[in-house]
């Protein structure tokens, strides 16, 4: 009985080692720009990455978006993987978890930044008119609320680029680097987001 158990354990170790070698080979091929290897790696790990991310974000749509971002990051960073430092699965799971945690932290920072920016805009507008009447103060507050509400009605990805571009004042290149996305994708998303804001706000800010 003990002999059979030992043989089973040895067999499992061999299978696990074979799987790791295959995965390591795929990552190496991805690092060399092999798109077929990348597709195979995505098919192999898409579900696992989504599960890891969803446990952190607890939001299905955000988790889907984040999963795609992580897969893109794998394509870009495959050349940084070193088998001597850990298993392929561990590398991928760690990357997914860290990116999801970073997203949660970034969302919290942007929420605080948005609140501060709204208040600062209101104060600045009030101070710009030292003799501002109560009506002007109320109007300034309402204008800030209109903009804030419009931003909150954007999709998470639209809101993200707007906040990075206009609140954090990052350039489009910096945004693309932070989000690990192509510059063209970021530019297009910002254009769509701004248009969406105009559609939401309409003539509400016209005095």
Protein backbone atom coordinates (compact mmCIF):
# COMPACT_ATOMS: atom_id res chain seq x y z
CA UNK A 1 0.00 0.00 0.00
CA UNK A 2 2.76 2.43 0.97
CA UNK A 3 4.61 1.54 -2.22
CA UNK A 4 1.54 2.39 -4.30
CA UNK A 5 1.16 5.73 -2.52
CA UNK A 6 4.78 6.61 -3.14
CA UNK A 7 4.47 5.72 -6.83
CA UNK A 8 1.34 7.90 -7.05
CA UNK A 9 3.13 10.82 -5.43
CA UNK A 10 6.09 10.45 -7.79
CA UNK A 11 3.71 10.36 -10.77
CA UNK A 12 1.97 13.54 -9.58
CA UNK A 13 5.34 15.27 -9.21
CA UNK A 14 6.29 14.25 -12.74
CA UNK A 15 2.96 15.51 -14.15
CA UNK A 16 3.27 18.77 -12.22
CA UNK A 17 6.83 19.22 -13.45
CA UNK A 18 5.71 18.56 -17.02
CA UNK A 19 2.89 21.12 -16.71
CA UNK A 20 5.29 23.71 -15.34
CA UNK A 21 7.74 23.07 -18.16
CA UNK A 22 4.97 23.47 -20.72
CA UNK A 23 3.77 26.69 -19.11
CA UNK A 24 7.31 28.02 -18.85
CA UNK A 25 7.86 27.24 -22.52
CA UNK A 26 4.67 29.07 -23.45
CA UNK A 27 5.76 32.14 -21.48
CA UNK A 28 9.15 32.03 -23.18
CA UNK A 29 7.42 31.85 -26.57
CA UNK A 30 5.19 34.78 -25.64
CA UNK A 31 8.30 36.77 -24.71
CA UNK A 32 9.50 36.12 -28.27
CA UNK A 33 6.25 37.48 -29.70
CA UNK A 34 4.53 34.15 -30.44
CA UNK A 35 0.83 35.02 -30.63
CA UNK A 36 -0.31 31.40 -30.83
CA UNK A 37 1.53 30.65 -27.56
CA UNK A 38 -0.09 33.73 -26.03
CA UNK A 39 -3.54 32.52 -27.08
CA UNK A 40 -2.87 29.11 -25.56
CA UNK A 41 -1.64 30.68 -22.33
CA UNK A 42 -4.73 32.92 -22.19
CA UNK A 43 -7.04 29.95 -22.72
CA UNK A 44 -5.21 28.09 -19.98
CA UNK A 45 -5.29 30.84 -17.35
CA UNK A 46 -8.18 33.17 -18.22
CA UNK A 47 -10.56 31.52 -15.73
CA UNK A 48 -8.02 31.39 -12.91
CA UNK A 49 -7.02 35.03 -13.35
CA UNK A 50 -10.67 36.13 -13.36
CA UNK A 51 -11.33 34.18 -10.15
CA UNK A 52 -8.32 35.73 -8.38
CA UNK A 53 -9.26 39.24 -9.47
CA UNK A 54 -12.94 38.85 -8.61
CA UNK A 55 -12.09 37.82 -5.06
CA UNK A 56 -10.39 41.19 -4.62
CA UNK A 57 -12.68 43.49 -6.62
CA UNK A 58 -15.98 41.70 -5.95
CA UNK A 59 -17.41 43.20 -9.15
CA UNK A 60 -18.01 41.09 -12.24
CA UNK A 61 -17.66 43.81 -14.90
CA UNK A 62 -14.58 45.35 -13.31
CA UNK A 63 -13.09 41.88 -12.94
CA UNK A 64 -13.64 41.15 -16.64
CA UNK A 65 -11.91 44.40 -17.59
CA UNK A 66 -9.06 43.76 -15.17
CA UNK A 67 -8.60 40.21 -16.49
CA UNK A 68 -8.10 41.59 -20.00
CA UNK A 69 -5.62 44.15 -18.68
CA UNK A 70 -3.63 41.44 -16.90
CA UNK A 71 -3.54 39.26 -20.01
CA UNK A 72 -2.20 42.27 -21.91
CA UNK A 73 0.38 42.78 -19.16
CA UNK A 74 1.46 39.13 -19.52
CA UNK A 75 2.08 39.79 -23.21
CA UNK A 76 4.21 42.82 -22.35
CA UNK A 77 6.07 41.38 -19.36
CA UNK A 78 6.58 37.73 -20.32
CA UNK A 79 10.29 38.41 -20.72
CA UNK A 80 10.57 39.21 -17.00
CA UNK A 81 9.52 35.72 -15.89
CA UNK A 82 12.29 33.59 -14.36
CA UNK A 83 11.54 29.93 -13.66
CA UNK A 84 14.30 29.83 -11.04
CA UNK A 85 12.33 32.29 -8.91
CA UNK A 86 8.97 30.50 -8.92
CA UNK A 87 6.37 28.49 -10.77
CA UNK A 88 4.59 29.99 -13.80
CA UNK A 89 1.22 29.65 -12.08
CA UNK A 90 2.51 31.46 -8.99
CA UNK A 91 3.90 34.28 -11.15
CA UNK A 92 0.60 34.73 -12.96
CA UNK A 93 -1.56 34.56 -9.84
CA UNK A 94 0.69 37.01 -7.98
CA UNK A 95 0.53 39.42 -10.90
CA UNK A 96 -3.27 39.18 -10.99
CA UNK A 97 -3.68 39.69 -7.25
CA UNK A 98 -1.26 42.62 -7.12
CA UNK A 99 -2.92 44.38 -10.05
CA UNK A 100 -6.35 43.94 -8.47
CA UNK A 101 -5.14 45.30 -5.13
CA UNK A 102 -3.55 48.26 -6.94
CA UNK A 103 -6.89 48.93 -8.62
CA UNK A 104 -8.72 48.98 -5.29
CA UNK A 105 -6.16 51.39 -3.82
CA UNK A 106 -6.25 53.60 -6.92
CA UNK A 107 -10.06 53.75 -6.80
CA UNK A 108 -9.92 54.90 -3.19
CA UNK A 109 -7.30 57.56 -4.00
CA UNK A 110 -9.33 58.83 -6.95
CA UNK A 111 -12.48 58.98 -4.85
CA UNK A 112 -10.69 61.15 -2.29
CA UNK A 113 -9.14 63.24 -5.05
CA UNK A 114 -12.53 63.73 -6.70
CA UNK A 115 -14.09 64.95 -3.46
CA UNK A 116 -11.20 67.32 -2.81
CA UNK A 117 -11.25 68.63 -6.38
CA UNK A 118 -14.98 69.31 -6.16
CA UNK A 119 -14.57 71.25 -2.94
CA UNK A 120 -11.55 73.17 -4.24
CA UNK A 121 -13.42 74.15 -7.39
CA UNK A 122 -16.29 75.46 -5.32
CA UNK A 123 -14.03 77.43 -2.98
CA UNK A 124 -12.00 78.85 -5.89
CA UNK A 125 -15.13 80.04 -7.64
CA UNK A 126 -16.42 81.64 -4.47
CA UNK A 127 -13.08 83.37 -3.77
CA UNK A 128 -12.95 84.64 -7.33
CA UNK A 129 -15.91 86.82 -6.52
CA UNK A 130 -15.26 88.40 -3.14
CA UNK A 131 -18.69 90.00 -3.18
CA UNK A 132 -20.45 86.86 -4.31
CA UNK A 133 -24.11 86.82 -3.46
CA UNK A 134 -25.79 83.79 -1.88
CA UNK A 135 -27.32 83.11 -5.30
CA UNK A 136 -23.86 82.99 -6.92
CA UNK A 137 -22.55 80.67 -4.22
CA UNK A 138 -25.53 78.35 -4.73
CA UNK A 139 -25.02 78.44 -8.50
CA UNK A 140 -21.34 77.52 -8.12
CA UNK A 141 -22.26 74.62 -5.87
CA UNK A 142 -24.87 73.39 -8.32
CA UNK A 143 -22.40 73.56 -11.23
CA UNK A 144 -19.87 71.48 -9.29
CA UNK A 145 -22.57 68.94 -8.45
CA UNK A 146 -23.61 68.68 -12.11
CA UNK A 147 -20.05 67.90 -13.18
CA UNK A 148 -19.50 65.46 -10.32
CA UNK A 149 -22.75 63.61 -11.07
CA UNK A 150 -21.88 63.43 -14.76
CA UNK A 151 -18.50 61.87 -13.99
CA UNK A 152 -20.10 59.30 -11.70
CA UNK A 153 -22.42 58.30 -14.56
CA UNK A 154 -19.51 57.29 -16.77
CA UNK A 155 -18.41 53.68 -17.02
CA UNK A 156 -15.56 52.71 -14.66
CA UNK A 157 -12.98 52.78 -17.47
CA UNK A 158 -14.24 56.13 -18.81
CA UNK A 159 -14.24 57.62 -15.31
CA UNK A 160 -10.73 56.32 -14.74
CA UNK A 161 -9.17 58.10 -17.72
CA UNK A 162 -11.08 61.34 -17.06
CA UNK A 163 -9.91 61.44 -13.45
CA UNK A 164 -6.31 60.63 -14.40
CA UNK A 165 -6.31 63.23 -17.17
CA UNK A 166 -8.17 66.10 -15.50
CA UNK A 167 -7.87 65.57 -11.75
CA UNK A 168 -4.46 63.90 -11.51
CA UNK A 169 -3.32 65.94 -14.55
CA UNK A 170 -1.40 63.06 -16.15
CA UNK A 171 -0.47 63.17 -19.82
CA UNK A 172 -1.95 60.63 -22.20
CA UNK A 173 1.42 58.88 -22.38
CA UNK A 174 1.58 58.67 -18.56
CA UNK A 175 -1.98 57.33 -18.43
CA UNK A 176 -1.18 54.66 -21.02
CA UNK A 177 1.88 53.64 -19.01
CA UNK A 178 -0.03 53.51 -15.72
CA UNK A 179 -2.87 51.46 -17.19
CA UNK A 180 -0.51 49.28 -19.25
CA UNK A 181 -2.57 49.93 -22.36
CA UNK A 182 -1.68 51.16 -25.88
CA UNK A 183 -1.55 54.94 -26.26
CA UNK A 184 -4.07 54.82 -29.09
CA UNK A 185 -6.56 52.99 -26.88
CA UNK A 186 -6.18 55.60 -24.13
CA UNK A 187 -6.60 58.52 -26.57
CA UNK A 188 -9.76 56.99 -28.04
CA UNK A 189 -11.19 56.28 -24.56
CA UNK A 190 -10.57 59.88 -23.44
CA UNK A 191 -12.30 61.22 -26.57
CA UNK A 192 -15.30 58.98 -26.01
CA UNK A 193 -15.40 59.88 -22.32
CA UNK A 194 -15.35 63.62 -22.98
CA UNK A 195 -18.09 63.26 -25.58
CA UNK A 196 -20.11 61.22 -23.11
CA UNK A 197 -19.72 63.98 -20.49
CA UNK A 198 -20.95 66.56 -22.99
CA UNK A 199 -23.95 64.34 -23.78
CA UNK A 200 -24.77 63.93 -20.07
CA UNK A 201 -24.29 67.57 -19.09
CA UNK A 202 -25.91 69.06 -22.19
CA UNK A 203 -26.74 72.73 -21.63
CA UNK A 204 -26.96 72.44 -17.85
CA UNK A 205 -23.80 74.53 -17.36
CA UNK A 206 -24.83 77.26 -19.79
CA UNK A 207 -25.51 80.48 -17.89
